[in-house]
Structure formats: structure tokens, C-alpha cells
Amino acid sequence: MTIPIATGMDIARNALLAYAFQLNKAVIGYETWDIDNVIQADSPHDVLTKLNMELNRV
């Protein structure tokens, strides 16, 4: 599953993240800032591993 968040979205990107946090949805970050409640991934493979772990919790 790939859901790119294009650059240039300005504050809209922040709104998407805020909604995800409010709805208790997992947010996985790769090569991004260290932000509270964001699951950090070390590689694209790690993103998929962590995504699968989150999907299996449902």
C-alpha cells in the first residue's frame, strides 16, 4: 500500500497528520523528523514490516 503525501501541501499535510492522530490511526515515518506518536522506520522494508504489524492489530 502506497499513500504518498506530496510535498508542497503546506499546512494541509499537518491537517492530515492531525486527523490521523485524533482518529488513533498509525502514522509511520521514514526519513522524517522525530515527532511524538509517529512510528519511525529505518528502511522501506521496515515501513512495510511495521505497516503489516499495525494492520494485524485491527
PDB file of N, CA and C in Angstrom:
ATOM      1  N   MET A   1       0.850  -1.161   0.000  1.00  0.00           N
ATOM      2  CA  MET A   1       0.000   0.000   0.000  1.00  0.00           C
ATOM      3  C   MET A   1       0.899   1.227   0.000  1.00  0.00           C
ATOM      4  N   THR A   2       0.682   2.101  -0.922  1.00  0.00           N
ATOM      5  CA  THR A   2       1.461   3.327  -1.003  1.00  0.00           C
ATOM      6  C   THR A   2       0.516   4.512  -1.001  1.00  0.00           C
ATOM      7  N   ILE A   3       0.702   5.390  -0.050  1.00  0.00           N
ATOM      8  CA  ILE A   3      -0.082   6.613   0.005  1.00  0.00           C
ATOM      9  C   ILE A   3       0.900   7.761   0.133  1.00  0.00           C
ATOM     10  N   PRO A   4       1.366   8.287  -1.010  1.00  0.00           N
ATOM     11  CA  PRO A   4       2.324   9.391  -0.919  1.00  0.00           C
ATOM     12  C   PRO A   4       1.624  10.671  -0.481  1.00  0.00           C
ATOM     13  N   ILE A   5       2.303  11.423   0.350  1.00  0.00           N
ATOM     14  CA  ILE A   5       1.831  12.756   0.704  1.00  0.00           C
ATOM     15  C   ILE A   5       2.778  13.722   0.010  1.00  0.00           C
ATOM     16  N   ALA A   6       2.293  14.314  -1.069  1.00  0.00           N
ATOM     17  CA  ALA A   6       3.137  15.157  -1.913  1.00  0.00           C
ATOM     18  C   ALA A   6       3.655  16.365  -1.148  1.00  0.00           C
ATOM     19  N   THR A   7       4.876  16.747  -1.473  1.00  0.00           N
ATOM     20  CA  THR A   7       5.399  17.980  -0.896  1.00  0.00           C
ATOM     21  C   THR A   7       4.670  19.152  -1.526  1.00  0.00           C
ATOM     22  N   GLY A   8       4.712  20.272  -0.893  1.00  0.00           N
ATOM     23  CA  GLY A   8       4.011  21.440  -1.391  1.00  0.00           C
ATOM     24  C   GLY A   8       2.580  21.530  -0.892  1.00  0.00           C
ATOM     25  N   MET A   9       2.202  20.647   0.023  1.00  0.00           N
ATOM     26  CA  MET A   9       0.848  20.690   0.567  1.00  0.00           C
ATOM     27  C   MET A   9       0.721  21.717   1.687  1.00  0.00           C
ATOM     28  N   ASP A  10       1.848  22.260   2.081  1.00  0.00           N
ATOM     29  CA  ASP A  10       1.865  23.259   3.145  1.00  0.00           C
ATOM     30  C   ASP A  10       1.170  22.729   4.394  1.00  0.00           C
ATOM     31  N   ILE A  11       0.228  23.487   4.941  1.00  0.00           N
ATOM     32  CA  ILE A  11      -0.385  23.092   6.204  1.00  0.00           C
ATOM     33  C   ILE A  11      -1.405  21.968   6.042  1.00  0.00           C
ATOM     34  N   ALA A  12      -1.798  21.642   4.812  1.00  0.00           N
ATOM     35  CA  ALA A  12      -2.738  20.543   4.596  1.00  0.00           C
ATOM     36  C   ALA A  12      -2.137  19.223   5.064  1.00  0.00           C
ATOM     37  N   ARG A  13      -0.837  19.055   4.882  1.00  0.00           N
ATOM     38  CA  ARG A  13      -0.162  17.843   5.343  1.00  0.00           C
ATOM     39  C   ARG A  13      -0.297  17.734   6.861  1.00  0.00           C
ATOM     40  N   ASN A  14      -0.146  18.856   7.549  1.00  0.00           N
ATOM     41  CA  ASN A  14      -0.284  18.857   9.002  1.00  0.00           C
ATOM     42  C   ASN A  14      -1.695  18.473   9.417  1.00  0.00           C
ATOM     43  N   ALA A  15      -2.685  18.925   8.654  1.00  0.00           N
ATOM     44  CA  ALA A  15      -4.073  18.577   8.960  1.00  0.00           C
ATOM     45  C   ALA A  15      -4.301  17.078   8.803  1.00  0.00           C
ATOM     46  N   LEU A  16      -3.726  16.478   7.760  1.00  0.00           N
ATOM     47  CA  LEU A  16      -3.869  15.030   7.571  1.00  0.00           C
ATOM     48  C   LEU A  16      -3.264  14.268   8.743  1.00  0.00           C
ATOM     49  N   LEU A  17      -2.097  14.697   9.181  1.00  0.00           N
ATOM     50  CA  LEU A  17      -1.472  14.051  10.336  1.00  0.00           C
ATOM     51  C   LEU A  17      -2.309  14.259  11.593  1.00  0.00           C
ATOM     52  N   ALA A  18      -2.843  15.452  11.781  1.00  0.00           N
ATOM     53  CA  ALA A  18      -3.667  15.732  12.958  1.00  0.00           C
ATOM     54  C   ALA A  18      -4.906  14.844  12.982  1.00  0.00           C
ATOM     55  N   TYR A  19      -5.563  14.676  11.836  1.00  0.00           N
ATOM     56  CA  TYR A  19      -6.725  13.786  11.770  1.00  0.00           C
ATOM     57  C   TYR A  19      -6.329  12.350  12.096  1.00  0.00           C
ATOM     58  N   ALA A  20      -5.214  11.900  11.565  1.00  0.00           N
ATOM     59  CA  ALA A  20      -4.756  10.536  11.847  1.00  0.00           C
ATOM     60  C   ALA A  20      -4.532  10.349  13.340  1.00  0.00           C
ATOM     61  N   PHE A  21      -3.889  11.324  13.977  1.00  0.00           N
ATOM     62  CA  PHE A  21      -3.648  11.226  15.418  1.00  0.00           C
ATOM     63  C   PHE A  21      -4.961  11.251  16.196  1.00  0.00           C
ATOM     64  N   GLN A  22      -5.901  12.122  15.807  1.00  0.00           N
ATOM     65  CA  GLN A  22      -7.186  12.212  16.508  1.00  0.00           C
ATOM     66  C   GLN A  22      -7.999  10.934  16.363  1.00  0.00           C
ATOM     67  N   LEU A  23      -7.860  10.270  15.223  1.00  0.00           N
ATOM     68  CA  LEU A  23      -8.601   9.033  14.969  1.00  0.00           C
ATOM     69  C   LEU A  23      -7.831   7.796  15.418  1.00  0.00           C
ATOM     70  N   ASN A  24      -6.719   8.011  16.119  1.00  0.00           N
ATOM     71  CA  ASN A  24      -5.876   6.914  16.614  1.00  0.00           C
ATOM     72  C   ASN A  24      -5.417   5.981  15.502  1.00  0.00           C
ATOM     73  N   LYS A  25      -5.056   6.562  14.373  1.00  0.00           N
ATOM     74  CA  LYS A  25      -4.516   5.798  13.251  1.00  0.00           C
ATOM     75  C   LYS A  25      -2.998   5.829  13.316  1.00  0.00           C
ATOM     76  N   ALA A  26      -2.385   4.745  12.908  1.00  0.00           N
ATOM     77  CA  ALA A  26      -0.927   4.668  12.922  1.00  0.00           C
ATOM     78  C   ALA A  26      -0.348   5.570  11.837  1.00  0.00           C
ATOM     79  N   VAL A  27       0.708   6.268  12.188  1.00  0.00           N
ATOM     80  CA  VAL A  27       1.456   7.081  11.232  1.00  0.00           C
ATOM     81  C   VAL A  27       2.886   6.572  11.264  1.00  0.00           C
ATOM     82  N   ILE A  28       3.366   6.115  10.121  1.00  0.00           N
ATOM     83  CA  ILE A  28       4.717   5.567  10.024  1.00  0.00           C
ATOM     84  C   ILE A  28       5.559   6.538   9.220  1.00  0.00           C
ATOM     85  N   GLY A  29       6.687   6.928   9.781  1.00  0.00           N
ATOM     86  CA  GLY A  29       7.567   7.876   9.118  1.00  0.00           C
ATOM     87  C   GLY A  29       8.877   7.235   8.712  1.00  0.00           C
ATOM     88  N   TYR A  30       9.345   7.592   7.536  1.00  0.00           N
ATOM     89  CA  TYR A  30      10.641   7.120   7.027  1.00  0.00           C
ATOM     90  C   TYR A  30      11.436   8.336   6.583  1.00  0.00           C
ATOM     91  N   GLU A  31      12.632   8.462   7.105  1.00  0.00           N
ATOM     92  CA  GLU A  31      13.487   9.619   6.812  1.00  0.00           C
ATOM     93  C   GLU A  31      12.735  10.920   7.080  1.00  0.00           C
ATOM     94  N   THR A  32      12.152  10.997   8.259  1.00  0.00           N
ATOM     95  CA  THR A  32      11.382  12.177   8.639  1.00  0.00           C
ATOM     96  C   THR A  32      11.812  12.648  10.013  1.00  0.00           C
ATOM     97  N   TRP A  33      11.240  13.724  10.456  1.00  0.00           N
ATOM     98  CA  TRP A  33      11.557  14.270  11.765  1.00  0.00           C
ATOM     99  C   TRP A  33      11.069  13.329  12.858  1.00  0.00           C
ATOM    100  N   ASP A  34      11.674  13.432  14.020  1.00  0.00           N
ATOM    101  CA  ASP A  34      11.252  12.656  15.181  1.00  0.00           C
ATOM    102  C   ASP A  34      10.073  13.386  15.826  1.00  0.00           C
ATOM    103  N   ILE A  35       8.881  12.874  15.589  1.00  0.00           N
ATOM    104  CA  ILE A  35       7.644  13.500  16.052  1.00  0.00           C
ATOM    105  C   ILE A  35       6.940  12.518  16.976  1.00  0.00           C
ATOM    106  N   ASP A  36       6.423  13.021  18.101  1.00  0.00           N
ATOM    107  CA  ASP A  36       5.671  12.161  19.014  1.00  0.00           C
ATOM    108  C   ASP A  36       4.551  11.453  18.259  1.00  0.00           C
ATOM    109  N   ASN A  37       4.332  10.200  18.596  1.00  0.00           N
ATOM    110  CA  ASN A  37       3.264   9.360  18.040  1.00  0.00           C
ATOM    111  C   ASN A  37       3.501   8.921  16.601  1.00  0.00           C
ATOM    112  N   VAL A  38       4.637   9.243  16.018  1.00  0.00           N
ATOM    113  CA  VAL A  38       4.971   8.743  14.685  1.00  0.00           C
ATOM    114  C   VAL A  38       5.894   7.546  14.857  1.00  0.00           C
ATOM    115  N   ILE A  39       5.522   6.435  14.263  1.00  0.00           N
ATOM    116  CA  ILE A  39       6.337   5.224  14.307  1.00  0.00           C
ATOM    117  C   ILE A  39       7.466   5.400  13.304  1.00  0.00           C
ATOM    118  N   GLN A  40       8.690   5.379  13.778  1.00  0.00           N
ATOM    119  CA  GLN A  40       9.849   5.597  12.912  1.00  0.00           C
ATOM    120  C   GLN A  40      10.273   4.284  12.250  1.00  0.00           C
ATOM    121  N   ALA A  41      10.544   4.336  10.958  1.00  0.00           N
ATOM    122  CA  ALA A  41      11.029   3.185  10.202  1.00  0.00           C
ATOM    123  C   ALA A  41      12.433   3.495   9.696  1.00  0.00           C
ATOM    124  N   ASP A  42      13.273   2.466   9.663  1.00  0.00           N
ATOM    125  CA  ASP A  42      14.670   2.638   9.263  1.00  0.00           C
ATOM    126  C   ASP A  42      14.926   2.410   7.779  1.00  0.00           C
ATOM    127  N   SER A  43      13.964   1.790   7.087  1.00  0.00           N
ATOM    128  CA  SER A  43      14.140   1.478   5.670  1.00  0.00           C
ATOM    129  C   SER A  43      12.756   1.275   5.052  1.00  0.00           C
ATOM    130  N   PRO A  44      12.665   1.265   3.725  1.00  0.00           N
ATOM    131  CA  PRO A  44      11.372   0.962   3.102  1.00  0.00           C
ATOM    132  C   PRO A  44      10.837  -0.408   3.536  1.00  0.00           C
ATOM    133  N   HIS A  45      11.737  -1.378   3.664  1.00  0.00           N
ATOM    134  CA  HIS A  45      11.313  -2.703   4.132  1.00  0.00           C
ATOM    135  C   HIS A  45      10.753  -2.618   5.546  1.00  0.00           C
ATOM    136  N   ASP A  46      11.388  -1.816   6.393  1.00  0.00           N
ATOM    137  CA  ASP A  46      10.919  -1.627   7.763  1.00  0.00           C
ATOM    138  C   ASP A  46       9.548  -0.958   7.781  1.00  0.00           C
ATOM    139  N   VAL A  47       9.293  -0.052   6.837  1.00  0.00           N
ATOM    140  CA  VAL A  47       7.965   0.569   6.728  1.00  0.00           C
ATOM    141  C   VAL A  47       6.919  -0.514   6.503  1.00  0.00           C
ATOM    142  N   LEU A  48       7.186  -1.411   5.561  1.00  0.00           N
ATOM    143  CA  LEU A  48       6.227  -2.476   5.257  1.00  0.00           C
ATOM    144  C   LEU A  48       6.045  -3.421   6.432  1.00  0.00           C
ATOM    145  N   THR A  49       7.132  -3.736   7.120  1.00  0.00           N
ATOM    146  CA  THR A  49       7.048  -4.605   8.294  1.00  0.00           C
ATOM    147  C   THR A  49       6.171  -3.967   9.362  1.00  0.00           C
ATOM    148  N   LYS A  50       6.407  -2.697   9.636  1.00  0.00           N
ATOM    149  CA  LYS A  50       5.631  -2.001  10.664  1.00  0.00           C
ATOM    150  C   LYS A  50       4.189  -1.804  10.227  1.00  0.00           C
ATOM    151  N   LEU A  51       3.971  -1.575   8.935  1.00  0.00           N
ATOM    152  CA  LEU A  51       2.612  -1.453   8.422  1.00  0.00           C
ATOM    153  C   LEU A  51       1.858  -2.762   8.615  1.00  0.00           C
ATOM    154  N   ASN A  52       2.490  -3.882   8.284  1.00  0.00           N
ATOM    155  CA  ASN A  52       1.856  -5.185   8.483  1.00  0.00           C
ATOM    156  C   ASN A  52       1.536  -5.430   9.948  1.00  0.00           C
ATOM    157  N   MET A  53       2.434  -5.040  10.840  1.00  0.00           N
ATOM    158  CA  MET A  53       2.182  -5.199  12.272  1.00  0.00           C
ATOM    159  C   MET A  53       0.959  -4.385  12.690  1.00  0.00           C
ATOM    160  N   GLU A  54       0.851  -3.160  12.196  1.00  0.00           N
ATOM    161  CA  GLU A  54      -0.292  -2.310  12.536  1.00  0.00           C
ATOM    162  C   GLU A  54      -1.591  -2.866  11.957  1.00  0.00           C
ATOM    163  N   LEU A  55      -1.547  -3.361  10.729  1.00  0.00           N
ATOM    164  CA  LEU A  55      -2.751  -3.912  10.104  1.00  0.00           C
ATOM    165  C   LEU A  55      -3.225  -5.173  10.811  1.00  0.00           C
ATOM    166  N   ASN A  56      -2.310  -5.945  11.359  1.00  0.00           N
ATOM    167  CA  ASN A  56      -2.685  -7.165  12.073  1.00  0.00           C
ATOM    168  C   ASN A  56      -3.305  -6.873  13.433  1.00  0.00           C
ATOM    169  N   ARG A  57      -3.156  -5.659  13.929  1.00  0.00           N
ATOM    170  CA  ARG A  57      -3.771  -5.284  15.206  1.00  0.00           C
ATOM    171  C   ARG A  57      -5.259  -5.015  15.060  1.00  0.00           C
ATOM    172  N   VAL A  58      -5.713  -4.810  13.844  1.00  0.00           N
ATOM    173  CA  VAL A  58      -7.114  -4.427  13.604  1.00  0.00           C
ATOM    174  C   VAL A  58      -8.033  -5.590  13.820  1.00  0.00           C
TER     175      VAL A  58
END
